[in-house]
Protein backbone atom coordinates (compact mmCIF):
# COMPACT_ATOMS: atom_id res chain seq x y z
CA UNK A 1 -8.01 140.24 -26.01
CA UNK A 2 -5.29 137.69 -24.61
CA UNK A 3 -3.03 137.29 -27.45
CA UNK A 4 -1.93 134.82 -29.80
CA UNK A 5 -1.58 132.22 -27.22
CA UNK A 6 -5.26 132.06 -26.62
CA UNK A 7 -7.75 130.72 -29.05
CA UNK A 8 -9.93 133.24 -30.70
CA UNK A 9 -13.21 131.02 -30.41
CA UNK A 10 -16.19 133.33 -31.49
CA UNK A 11 -19.43 131.86 -32.24
CA UNK A 12 -21.92 133.31 -34.47
CA UNK A 13 -21.78 136.15 -37.29
CA UNK A 14 -18.31 137.18 -36.48
CA UNK A 15 -16.52 133.72 -36.92
CA UNK A 16 -18.46 133.23 -40.20
CA UNK A 17 -17.53 136.52 -41.44
CA UNK A 18 -13.85 135.99 -40.53
CA UNK A 19 -14.23 132.24 -42.11
CA UNK A 20 -15.36 133.93 -45.59
CA UNK A 21 -12.71 136.64 -45.37
CA UNK A 22 -9.84 133.94 -44.70
CA UNK A 23 -11.34 131.54 -47.54
CA UNK A 24 -11.56 134.43 -50.07
CA UNK A 25 -7.80 135.37 -49.31
CA UNK A 26 -6.79 131.64 -49.67
CA UNK A 27 -8.64 131.45 -52.78
CA UNK A 28 -7.23 134.54 -54.38
CA UNK A 29 -3.70 133.59 -53.72
CA UNK A 30 -4.01 129.70 -54.42
CA UNK A 31 -5.66 130.95 -57.75
CA UNK A 32 -2.71 133.36 -58.61
CA UNK A 33 -0.51 130.39 -58.75
CA UNK A 34 -1.80 128.80 -62.05
CA UNK A 35 -4.33 131.26 -63.24
CA UNK A 36 -1.81 133.53 -65.36
CA UNK A 37 -0.21 130.48 -67.06
CA UNK A 38 -2.65 130.14 -69.80
CA UNK A 39 -2.83 133.92 -70.42
CA UNK A 40 1.34 134.18 -71.09
CA UNK A 41 1.01 133.92 -75.06
CA UNK A 42 -1.46 136.64 -75.01
CA UNK A 43 0.56 138.76 -72.68
CA UNK A 44 3.41 138.13 -74.72
CA UNK A 45 1.96 139.82 -77.80
CA UNK A 46 0.50 142.60 -76.05
CA UNK A 47 3.53 143.63 -73.91
CA UNK A 48 5.96 142.85 -76.89
CA UNK A 49 7.98 140.57 -74.75
CA UNK A 50 10.33 137.67 -75.88
CA UNK A 51 9.83 134.06 -74.63
CA UNK A 52 12.47 134.23 -71.99
CA UNK A 53 11.04 137.77 -70.70
CA UNK A 54 7.55 136.58 -70.60
CA UNK A 55 8.62 133.73 -68.32
CA UNK A 56 9.75 135.96 -65.70
CA UNK A 57 5.94 136.72 -65.13
CA UNK A 58 5.85 133.40 -63.32
CA UNK A 59 9.31 133.04 -62.03
CA UNK A 60 9.18 136.77 -60.20
CA UNK A 61 5.93 135.66 -58.54
CA UNK A 62 7.10 132.26 -57.40
CA UNK A 63 10.61 133.40 -56.16
CA UNK A 64 8.97 136.18 -54.02
CA UNK A 65 6.07 134.30 -52.66
CA UNK A 66 8.88 131.51 -51.73
CA UNK A 67 11.17 133.77 -49.87
CA UNK A 68 8.46 135.78 -48.12
CA UNK A 69 6.62 132.98 -46.55
CA UNK A 70 9.45 132.12 -44.33
CA UNK A 71 9.18 135.39 -42.12
CA UNK A 72 5.25 135.50 -41.87
CA UNK A 73 5.46 134.06 -38.58
CA UNK A 74 7.91 136.31 -37.03
CA UNK A 75 6.05 139.15 -38.92
CA UNK A 76 2.66 138.38 -37.55
CA UNK A 77 3.73 137.89 -33.87
CA UNK A 78 5.76 141.06 -33.92
CA UNK A 79 3.00 143.45 -35.50
CA UNK A 80 -0.04 141.56 -34.95
CA UNK A 81 -1.96 139.22 -37.17
CA UNK A 82 -4.79 141.51 -38.18
CA UNK A 83 -2.82 144.12 -39.24
CA UNK A 84 -0.41 142.19 -41.42
CA UNK A 85 -3.24 140.16 -42.68
CA UNK A 86 -5.27 143.45 -43.85
CA UNK A 87 -1.91 144.97 -45.32
CA UNK A 88 -1.01 141.99 -47.29
CA UNK A 89 -4.69 141.36 -48.57
CA UNK A 90 -4.53 145.21 -49.61
CA UNK A 91 -1.15 144.85 -51.00
CA UNK A 92 -1.89 141.88 -52.98
CA UNK A 93 -5.35 143.30 -54.51
CA UNK A 94 -3.66 146.66 -55.42
CA UNK A 95 -0.42 144.69 -56.90
CA UNK A 96 -3.10 142.42 -58.88
CA UNK A 97 -4.62 145.61 -60.45
CA UNK A 98 -1.49 147.09 -61.31
CA UNK A 99 -0.45 143.89 -63.24
CA UNK A 100 -3.61 144.16 -65.15
CA UNK A 101 -2.61 147.91 -65.98
CA UNK A 102 0.80 147.17 -66.95
CA UNK A 103 2.21 148.64 -69.99
CA UNK A 104 5.26 146.78 -70.71
CA UNK A 105 7.22 143.66 -69.52
CA UNK A 106 9.29 145.41 -66.91
CA UNK A 107 6.14 146.71 -65.08
CA UNK A 108 4.56 143.42 -65.30
CA UNK A 109 7.37 141.68 -63.55
CA UNK A 110 7.83 144.23 -61.11
CA UNK A 111 4.16 144.13 -60.21
CA UNK A 112 4.13 140.49 -60.10
CA UNK A 113 7.01 140.66 -57.76
CA UNK A 114 5.02 142.67 -55.57
CA UNK A 115 2.09 140.42 -55.94
CA UNK A 116 4.30 137.44 -54.54
CA UNK A 117 5.91 139.43 -51.70
CA UNK A 118 2.27 140.21 -50.31
CA UNK A 119 0.54 137.16 -51.47
CA UNK A 120 3.16 134.78 -49.43
CA UNK A 121 1.30 135.62 -46.24
CA UNK A 122 -2.25 135.09 -47.15
CA UNK A 123 -2.16 131.20 -47.08
CA UNK A 124 -0.22 130.77 -43.68
CA UNK A 125 -2.24 133.54 -42.06
CA UNK A 126 -5.59 132.18 -43.09
CA UNK A 127 -4.63 128.70 -41.80
CA UNK A 128 -3.50 130.32 -38.38
CA UNK A 129 -6.90 132.23 -38.23
CA UNK A 130 -9.14 129.10 -39.03
CA UNK A 131 -7.35 127.35 -36.53
CA UNK A 132 -7.63 130.09 -33.59
CA UNK A 133 -11.62 130.59 -34.43
CA UNK A 134 -12.76 126.90 -34.31
CA UNK A 135 -12.39 124.65 -31.26
CA UNK A 136 -10.41 121.47 -31.15
CA UNK A 137 -13.47 119.40 -31.84
CA UNK A 138 -14.26 121.42 -34.89
CA UNK A 139 -11.04 122.02 -36.15
CA UNK A 140 -11.19 119.11 -38.68
CA UNK A 141 -14.32 121.02 -40.25
CA UNK A 142 -12.29 124.21 -40.34
CA UNK A 143 -9.38 122.40 -42.18
CA UNK A 144 -11.94 121.11 -44.72
CA UNK A 145 -13.22 124.55 -45.14
CA UNK A 146 -9.79 125.69 -45.46
CA UNK A 147 -8.45 123.01 -47.69
CA UNK A 148 -11.23 123.56 -50.41
CA UNK A 149 -9.50 127.10 -50.82
CA UNK A 150 -5.94 125.79 -50.92
CA UNK A 151 -6.94 123.13 -53.62
CA UNK A 152 -9.18 125.01 -55.79
CA UNK A 153 -5.92 127.12 -57.29
CA UNK A 154 -4.23 124.27 -58.92
CA UNK A 155 -7.49 122.69 -59.88
CA UNK A 156 -9.50 125.66 -61.24
CA UNK A 157 -6.87 128.13 -61.85
CA UNK A 158 -6.17 127.25 -65.50
CA UNK A 159 -9.64 126.79 -66.56
CA UNK A 160 -10.68 130.17 -64.89
CA UNK A 161 -7.67 131.66 -66.33
CA UNK A 162 -8.45 130.35 -69.91
CA UNK A 163 -12.15 131.61 -69.70
CA UNK A 164 -11.37 134.98 -68.70
CA UNK A 165 -8.63 135.16 -71.36
CA UNK A 166 -10.78 134.04 -74.32
CA UNK A 167 -13.86 135.88 -73.05
CA UNK A 168 -12.59 139.18 -71.98
CA UNK A 169 -8.87 139.58 -72.08
CA UNK A 170 -5.76 138.80 -70.19
CA UNK A 171 -5.94 141.66 -68.01
CA UNK A 172 -8.98 140.07 -66.21
CA UNK A 173 -6.82 137.43 -64.86
CA UNK A 174 -5.66 139.96 -62.57
CA UNK A 175 -8.55 142.51 -62.51
CA UNK A 176 -10.85 139.49 -61.42
CA UNK A 177 -9.10 139.68 -57.70
CA UNK A 178 -10.31 143.49 -57.14
CA UNK A 179 -13.78 142.89 -55.84
CA UNK A 180 -12.79 139.83 -53.66
CA UNK A 181 -9.85 141.63 -52.32
CA UNK A 182 -11.87 144.53 -51.38
CA UNK A 183 -14.54 142.43 -49.43
CA UNK A 184 -11.48 140.51 -47.84
CA UNK A 185 -9.92 143.79 -46.48
CA UNK A 186 -13.14 145.37 -45.49
CA UNK A 187 -14.38 141.89 -43.57
CA UNK A 188 -11.09 141.57 -42.00
CA UNK A 189 -11.20 145.21 -40.71
CA UNK A 190 -14.52 144.92 -39.05
CA UNK A 191 -14.84 141.17 -37.88
CA UNK A 192 -11.39 140.07 -37.03
CA UNK A 193 -9.73 140.31 -33.64
CA UNK A 194 -6.28 141.42 -33.42
CA UNK A 195 -3.65 139.53 -31.39
CA UNK A 196 -1.16 140.88 -28.92
CA UNK A 197 2.04 142.24 -30.50
CA UNK A 198 5.43 140.86 -29.07
CA UNK A 199 7.57 143.94 -29.41
CA UNK A 200 10.55 142.19 -27.98
CA UNK A 201 11.12 139.59 -30.61
CA UNK A 202 14.40 139.91 -32.38
CA UNK A 203 14.68 139.35 -35.98
CA UNK A 204 17.62 136.85 -37.15
CA UNK A 205 18.61 138.85 -40.33
CA UNK A 206 21.54 136.48 -40.93
CA UNK A 207 19.44 133.81 -40.87
CA UNK A 208 16.87 135.11 -42.94
CA UNK A 209 19.31 136.63 -45.52
CA UNK A 210 20.97 133.12 -46.00
CA UNK A 211 17.52 131.42 -46.12
CA UNK A 212 16.17 134.02 -48.74
CA UNK A 213 19.10 133.68 -51.07
CA UNK A 214 19.11 129.74 -50.63
CA UNK A 215 15.21 129.49 -51.64
CA UNK A 216 15.36 132.43 -54.25
CA UNK A 217 18.39 130.58 -56.00
CA UNK A 218 16.70 126.99 -55.79
CA UNK A 219 13.48 128.45 -57.09
CA UNK A 220 15.09 130.25 -60.14
CA UNK A 221 17.13 127.19 -60.72
CA UNK A 222 13.83 125.09 -60.69
CA UNK A 223 11.77 127.40 -62.70
CA UNK A 224 14.29 128.00 -65.24
CA UNK A 225 15.95 124.82 -65.36
CA UNK A 226 14.04 123.10 -68.30
CA UNK A 227 14.15 126.12 -70.47
CA UNK A 228 17.95 126.56 -70.20
CA UNK A 229 18.54 122.68 -70.37
CA UNK A 230 19.42 122.26 -66.96
CA UNK A 231 23.28 121.58 -66.26
CA UNK A 232 24.15 122.42 -69.62
CA UNK A 233 23.58 126.23 -68.54
CA UNK A 234 26.24 128.06 -66.63
CA UNK A 235 23.30 130.12 -65.05
CA UNK A 236 21.53 126.96 -63.65
CA UNK A 237 24.75 125.48 -62.33
CA UNK A 238 25.50 128.78 -60.74
CA UNK A 239 22.16 128.94 -59.10
CA UNK A 240 22.59 125.53 -57.68
CA UNK A 241 25.75 126.16 -56.02
CA UNK A 242 24.73 129.42 -54.74
CA UNK A 243 21.59 127.80 -53.13
CA UNK A 244 23.63 125.12 -51.65
CA UNK A 245 26.28 127.43 -49.97
CA UNK A 246 23.39 129.68 -48.67
CA UNK A 247 21.45 126.55 -47.25
CA UNK A 248 25.02 125.52 -45.75
CA UNK A 249 25.37 128.96 -43.91
CA UNK A 250 21.82 129.01 -42.80
CA UNK A 251 21.97 125.66 -40.86
CA UNK A 252 25.57 126.25 -39.83
CA UNK A 253 24.24 129.74 -38.41
CA UNK A 254 20.82 128.31 -37.07
CA UNK A 255 22.53 125.54 -35.01
CA UNK A 256 25.03 127.96 -33.35
CA UNK A 257 22.87 131.24 -32.57
CA UNK A 258 20.80 131.66 -29.35
CA UNK A 259 18.08 133.15 -31.48
CA UNK A 260 17.86 131.04 -35.12
CA UNK A 261 15.53 132.44 -37.61
CA UNK A 262 13.23 129.16 -37.42
CA UNK A 263 12.18 128.00 -34.44
CA UNK A 264 13.41 124.57 -33.80
CA UNK A 265 10.81 123.69 -31.39
CA UNK A 266 8.21 123.26 -34.10
CA UNK A 267 10.16 120.03 -34.89
CA UNK A 268 10.13 118.88 -31.34
CA UNK A 269 6.29 118.05 -31.92
CA UNK A 270 6.19 114.44 -33.31
CA UNK A 271 2.85 115.41 -35.03
CA UNK A 272 4.09 118.66 -36.62
CA UNK A 273 7.07 117.05 -37.61
CA UNK A 274 5.22 113.92 -39.55
CA UNK A 275 2.99 116.69 -41.03
CA UNK A 276 5.99 118.40 -42.49
CA UNK A 277 7.08 115.31 -43.89
CA UNK A 278 3.69 114.45 -45.56
CA UNK A 279 3.23 117.97 -46.71
CA UNK A 280 6.19 118.00 -48.60
CA UNK A 281 4.96 114.64 -50.18
CA UNK A 282 1.77 116.29 -50.95
CA UNK A 283 3.59 119.23 -52.63
CA UNK A 284 5.74 116.90 -54.82
CA UNK A 285 2.70 114.66 -55.80
CA UNK A 286 -0.27 117.00 -56.15
CA UNK A 287 1.27 119.51 -58.27
CA UNK A 288 3.33 117.15 -60.50
CA UNK A 289 0.61 115.21 -61.32
CA UNK A 290 -1.62 118.27 -61.90
CA UNK A 291 1.46 119.51 -64.13
CA UNK A 292 1.34 116.40 -66.02
CA UNK A 293 -2.59 116.41 -66.59
CA UNK A 294 -3.23 119.31 -68.64
CA UNK A 295 -0.50 118.80 -71.33
CA UNK A 296 -1.55 114.92 -71.64
CA UNK A 297 -5.13 116.01 -72.31
CA UNK A 298 -4.17 118.72 -74.60
CA UNK A 299 -1.35 117.31 -76.27
CA UNK A 300 -1.63 113.55 -76.70
CA UNK A 301 -5.57 113.13 -76.64
CA UNK A 302 -6.10 116.55 -78.49
CA UNK A 303 -8.80 118.27 -76.26
CA UNK A 304 -8.87 122.17 -76.48
CA UNK A 305 -7.78 123.95 -73.20
CA UNK A 306 -11.44 124.74 -71.87
CA UNK A 307 -12.49 120.89 -72.42
CA UNK A 308 -9.38 119.79 -70.63
CA UNK A 309 -10.11 122.22 -67.82
CA UNK A 310 -13.56 121.03 -67.39
CA UNK A 311 -12.25 117.53 -67.33
CA UNK A 312 -9.47 118.33 -64.83
CA UNK A 313 -12.27 120.16 -62.71
CA UNK A 314 -13.71 116.56 -62.06
CA UNK A 315 -10.62 116.10 -59.74
CA UNK A 316 -11.68 119.13 -57.85
CA UNK A 317 -15.19 117.85 -57.24
CA UNK A 318 -13.56 114.45 -55.71
CA UNK A 319 -11.41 116.53 -53.45
CA UNK A 320 -14.24 118.85 -52.15
CA UNK A 321 -16.43 115.65 -51.39
CA UNK A 322 -13.79 114.06 -49.69
CA UNK A 323 -12.86 117.24 -47.58
CA UNK A 324 -16.73 117.89 -46.55
CA UNK A 325 -16.86 114.00 -45.46
CA UNK A 326 -13.52 113.81 -43.49
CA UNK A 327 -14.66 116.95 -41.69
CA UNK A 328 -17.58 115.03 -40.41
CA UNK A 329 -15.89 111.75 -39.83
CA UNK A 330 -12.59 112.55 -38.31
CA UNK A 331 -13.76 112.34 -34.73
CA UNK A 332 -14.68 108.79 -35.53
CA UNK A 333 -11.98 107.63 -37.68
CA UNK A 334 -8.13 107.92 -36.93
CA UNK A 335 -6.34 110.30 -39.04
CA UNK A 336 -3.79 108.14 -39.91
CA UNK A 337 -6.13 105.49 -41.33
CA UNK A 338 -7.76 108.46 -43.62
CA UNK A 339 -4.24 109.10 -44.82
CA UNK A 340 -3.49 105.64 -45.84
CA UNK A 341 -6.79 105.25 -47.51
CA UNK A 342 -6.12 108.55 -49.40
CA UNK A 343 -2.47 107.68 -50.40
CA UNK A 344 -3.56 104.32 -51.48
CA UNK A 345 -6.52 105.57 -53.66
CA UNK A 346 -4.23 108.25 -55.07
CA UNK A 347 -1.47 105.36 -55.89
CA UNK A 348 -4.46 103.33 -57.52
CA UNK A 349 -5.51 106.25 -59.76
CA UNK A 350 -1.94 106.86 -60.90
CA UNK A 351 -1.81 102.95 -61.81
CA UNK A 352 -4.79 103.29 -63.80
CA UNK A 353 -3.39 106.47 -65.45
CA UNK A 354 -0.12 104.63 -66.62
CA UNK A 355 -2.51 102.83 -68.85
CA UNK A 356 -3.75 105.81 -70.58
CA UNK A 357 -3.48 106.26 -74.39
CA UNK A 358 -4.55 108.91 -76.96
CA UNK A 359 -7.87 106.67 -77.12
CA UNK A 360 -8.69 106.93 -73.60
CA UNK A 361 -12.46 108.00 -73.27
CA UNK A 362 -13.89 110.67 -71.24
CA UNK A 363 -15.78 108.58 -68.63
CA UNK A 364 -12.66 106.99 -67.55
CA UNK A 365 -10.81 110.27 -67.49
CA UNK A 366 -13.57 111.61 -65.23
CA UNK A 367 -13.78 108.33 -62.93
CA UNK A 368 -9.89 108.44 -62.24
CA UNK A 369 -9.65 112.15 -61.63
CA UNK A 370 -12.30 112.06 -59.27
CA UNK A 371 -10.74 108.98 -57.44
CA UNK A 372 -7.68 110.71 -57.35
CA UNK A 373 -9.13 113.96 -56.19
CA UNK A 374 -10.82 112.16 -53.24
CA UNK A 375 -7.58 110.65 -52.19
CA UNK A 376 -6.04 114.22 -52.16
CA UNK A 377 -9.03 115.00 -49.92
CA UNK A 378 -8.54 112.25 -47.72
CA UNK A 379 -5.04 113.04 -46.98
CA UNK A 380 -4.91 116.84 -46.89
CA UNK A 381 -7.65 117.52 -44.30
CA UNK A 382 -6.36 114.85 -41.66
CA UNK A 383 -2.71 116.18 -42.18
CA UNK A 384 -3.60 119.83 -41.79
CA UNK A 385 -5.54 118.97 -38.56
CA UNK A 386 -2.87 116.60 -37.11
CA UNK A 387 0.00 119.05 -37.53
CA UNK A 388 -1.33 121.31 -35.07
CA UNK A 389 -3.14 118.87 -32.94
CA UNK A 390 -0.59 119.03 -30.06
CA UNK A 391 1.69 122.26 -31.04
CA UNK A 392 1.76 124.96 -28.71
CA UNK A 393 -0.48 127.96 -29.85
CA UNK A 394 2.13 130.37 -29.50
CA UNK A 395 3.92 128.54 -32.52
CA UNK A 396 0.83 128.33 -34.62
CA UNK A 397 1.79 131.05 -37.10
CA UNK A 398 5.45 129.76 -37.39
CA UNK A 399 3.92 126.19 -38.16
CA UNK A 400 1.50 127.29 -40.65
CA UNK A 401 4.14 129.38 -42.38
CA UNK A 402 6.59 126.55 -42.29
CA UNK A 403 3.95 124.00 -43.88
CA UNK A 404 3.26 126.47 -46.73
CA UNK A 405 7.14 127.10 -47.44
CA UNK A 406 7.61 123.14 -47.54
CA UNK A 407 4.55 122.78 -49.62
CA UNK A 408 5.53 125.39 -52.00
CA UNK A 409 9.28 124.33 -52.59
CA UNK A 410 8.20 120.69 -52.78
CA UNK A 411 5.73 121.56 -55.61
CA UNK A 412 8.58 123.44 -57.73
CA UNK A 413 10.87 120.58 -57.11
CA UNK A 414 8.23 118.08 -57.95
CA UNK A 415 6.93 119.78 -61.19
CA UNK A 416 10.91 120.58 -62.31
CA UNK A 417 11.52 116.78 -62.00
CA UNK A 418 8.61 115.20 -63.60
CA UNK A 419 8.71 117.81 -66.47
CA UNK A 420 12.50 117.20 -66.78
CA UNK A 421 11.81 113.53 -66.89
CA UNK A 422 8.97 113.76 -69.17
CA UNK A 423 11.10 115.78 -71.83
CA UNK A 424 14.08 113.37 -71.61
CA UNK A 425 11.82 110.43 -71.69
CA UNK A 426 9.90 111.46 -74.80
CA UNK A 427 13.27 112.22 -76.61
CA UNK A 428 14.63 108.92 -75.88
CA UNK A 429 11.48 106.90 -76.59
CA UNK A 430 10.95 109.00 -80.01
CA UNK A 431 14.68 108.10 -81.18
CA UNK A 432 13.87 104.49 -80.49
CA UNK A 433 10.80 104.38 -82.05
CA UNK A 434 11.76 106.26 -84.94
CA UNK A 435 14.34 103.87 -85.97
CA UNK A 436 11.67 101.30 -86.94
CA UNK A 437 9.99 104.00 -89.12
CA UNK A 438 11.78 102.86 -92.54
CA UNK A 439 11.07 101.38 -95.87
CA UNK A 440 12.46 98.15 -94.71
CA UNK A 441 10.05 97.30 -91.82
CA UNK A 442 7.64 94.82 -93.20
CA UNK A 443 4.73 95.94 -91.17
CA UNK A 444 4.98 99.18 -92.63
CA UNK A 445 4.70 97.58 -96.01
CA UNK A 446 1.37 95.58 -95.44
CA UNK A 447 -1.32 96.87 -97.78
CA UNK A 448 -3.61 97.99 -95.06
CA UNK A 449 -0.89 100.04 -93.40
CA UNK A 450 0.51 101.22 -96.27
CA UNK A 451 -2.75 102.92 -97.41
CA UNK A 452 -2.48 104.88 -94.30
CA UNK A 453 1.26 105.67 -93.74
CA UNK A 454 3.02 105.73 -97.24
CA UNK A 455 6.50 106.60 -96.29
CA UNK A 456 7.15 107.48 -100.19
CA UNK A 457 4.93 110.73 -99.71
CA UNK A 458 5.56 113.87 -97.51
CA UNK A 459 2.08 113.25 -96.15
CA UNK A 460 2.90 109.61 -95.06
CA UNK A 461 6.06 110.62 -93.38
CA UNK A 462 4.56 113.48 -91.61
CA UNK A 463 1.76 111.20 -90.28
CA UNK A 464 4.27 108.60 -89.27
CA UNK A 465 6.17 111.16 -87.33
CA UNK A 466 3.08 112.53 -85.65
CA UNK A 467 2.19 108.76 -84.54
CA UNK A 468 5.64 108.30 -83.39
CA UNK A 469 5.67 111.70 -81.60
CA UNK A 470 2.34 110.73 -79.87
CA UNK A 471 3.26 107.13 -78.74
CA UNK A 472 6.79 108.54 -77.41
CA UNK A 473 4.58 110.93 -75.22
CA UNK A 474 2.25 108.27 -74.01
CA UNK A 475 5.31 106.02 -72.84
CA UNK A 476 6.94 109.00 -71.10
CA UNK A 477 3.73 110.04 -69.35
CA UNK A 478 3.31 106.36 -68.13
CA UNK A 479 6.69 106.24 -66.88
CA UNK A 480 6.15 109.54 -65.00
CA UNK A 481 2.87 108.19 -63.67
CA UNK A 482 4.53 105.03 -62.46
CA UNK A 483 7.57 106.89 -60.61
CA UNK A 484 4.76 109.05 -58.85
CA UNK A 485 2.72 106.05 -57.85
CA UNK A 486 5.60 104.06 -56.32
CA UNK A 487 6.87 107.29 -54.57
CA UNK A 488 3.68 107.56 -53.00
CA UNK A 489 3.61 103.70 -51.89
CA UNK A 490 6.80 104.20 -50.26
CA UNK A 491 5.31 107.05 -48.14
CA UNK A 492 2.56 105.13 -46.76
CA UNK A 493 4.41 103.39 -43.92
CA UNK A 494 5.15 106.90 -42.58
CA UNK A 495 1.52 107.41 -41.54
CA UNK A 496 2.07 105.06 -38.59
CA UNK A 497 4.30 107.81 -36.90
CA UNK A 498 1.04 109.71 -36.44
CA UNK A 499 -0.15 109.20 -32.78
CA UNK A 500 -3.77 108.43 -31.94
CA UNK A 501 -5.88 111.47 -33.08
CA UNK A 502 -8.89 110.25 -31.12
CA UNK A 503 -7.22 109.80 -27.95
CA UNK A 504 -5.70 113.25 -28.20
CA UNK A 505 -9.20 114.76 -28.86
CA UNK A 506 -10.55 112.89 -25.92
CA UNK A 507 -7.75 113.76 -23.67
CA UNK A 508 -7.95 117.65 -24.67
CA UNK A 509 -11.73 117.79 -24.80
CA UNK A 510 -11.49 117.30 -20.91
CA UNK A 511 -9.87 120.45 -20.65
CA UNK A 512 -11.19 122.64 -23.67
CA UNK A 513 -9.87 125.87 -24.91
CA UNK A 514 -12.34 128.76 -23.94
CA UNK A 515 -13.68 131.14 -26.09
CA UNK A 516 -12.50 134.57 -26.27
CA UNK A 517 -16.17 136.20 -26.61
CA UNK A 518 -16.84 139.67 -28.17
């Protein structure tokens, strides 16, 4: 083996098995970011936890995963990618089983923390492995396959979690990882090649500590902000201050030390830098729209969670179809063209969603969701491919870790912003609309209306309050969708920063990367 600088282009059975293992690891980690959400009420009763305590089941996982994503590149280069991949897959699987066996809330939070620590490396390592095991010309196909796993988590996680919880119990939300984790560990041990270890690599402990504190405090503030009323809470203000100070020391240290924690050589590559920008945008947009979709379908239209999950799955079908198609056509169409088309379709779908009401029918929801998912797929695959098109191979694992970190932090920021805007918007709109619900409103005195909403009765006032609440939510959701739509439209010109992918592919095809055979 010639080390991490060489591509591990292995044809046949070995590459297929490594692909399956990498995909399984990706799906496990991606699913666990959302699959436990719907099971929280069941866990709360079973573990005798308060509302604040049960929220730490999500917070501990998110914070641990965010912090430990940062050093994945260094750890893999220092100790070998195969070894770390196997250890993290095994650790994630064991932690999942322990979560299912937890007897109280303290055990659950501890095991979820461990799950986040081990799971942090799975997505960046799986992406690095896929990039290594496929030739440059096959890389779009590889990123299509890998992208399906990444997208499956936020799309299918809530539905699968609801089904497992209602059919079996909340414990199976975690036990489901056991067979897949075992297959992943065994497959990686048998079929994956080890990369060389660079034992001379030095670790920037101060840089990592500052970055870890900054990311951890930021994630805590974002995750708990809505619950604690944001800047009205001393805890949230303190966390933002600590995060700001930590990031200041991190950047000040990084620009003055000879061995910074993050290799700034990554950002000298224009395609990778552009990829970072767009991956941040994708994190903001993708997860925030998904965070809005489920409560809209359940709270506004009134669908049960399983029905809402089925409707949301239609977005996944659009994404998967786009990814399969892009993997085949990217060698003929410029990546920036596909990204622009994808962003335009996503913006168009959001424009359509601004007109949704509590009477929106299933066919429209499905069609708009499929279009939106198709747009996501058109962006995600070219973006994942272009980001590493001209990046040196020895920076690949650091690059995948950086993109994963940016996507995760951006998703937390995006979700926090849209949920905060939704909550505030609903309150303000409700207050405005409620002013018109009174006996002096002539519209409410019309015979047809009074027969339905009679403000002189408790039932009539309750119905009026329910209608005002629903309309306030509809307006707030529409505003959020509109903001996201304009944000996407503003990012479209940035796609012009991406160079010609077809020209790069032709140039590099003249000197193809050599396969490392068994």
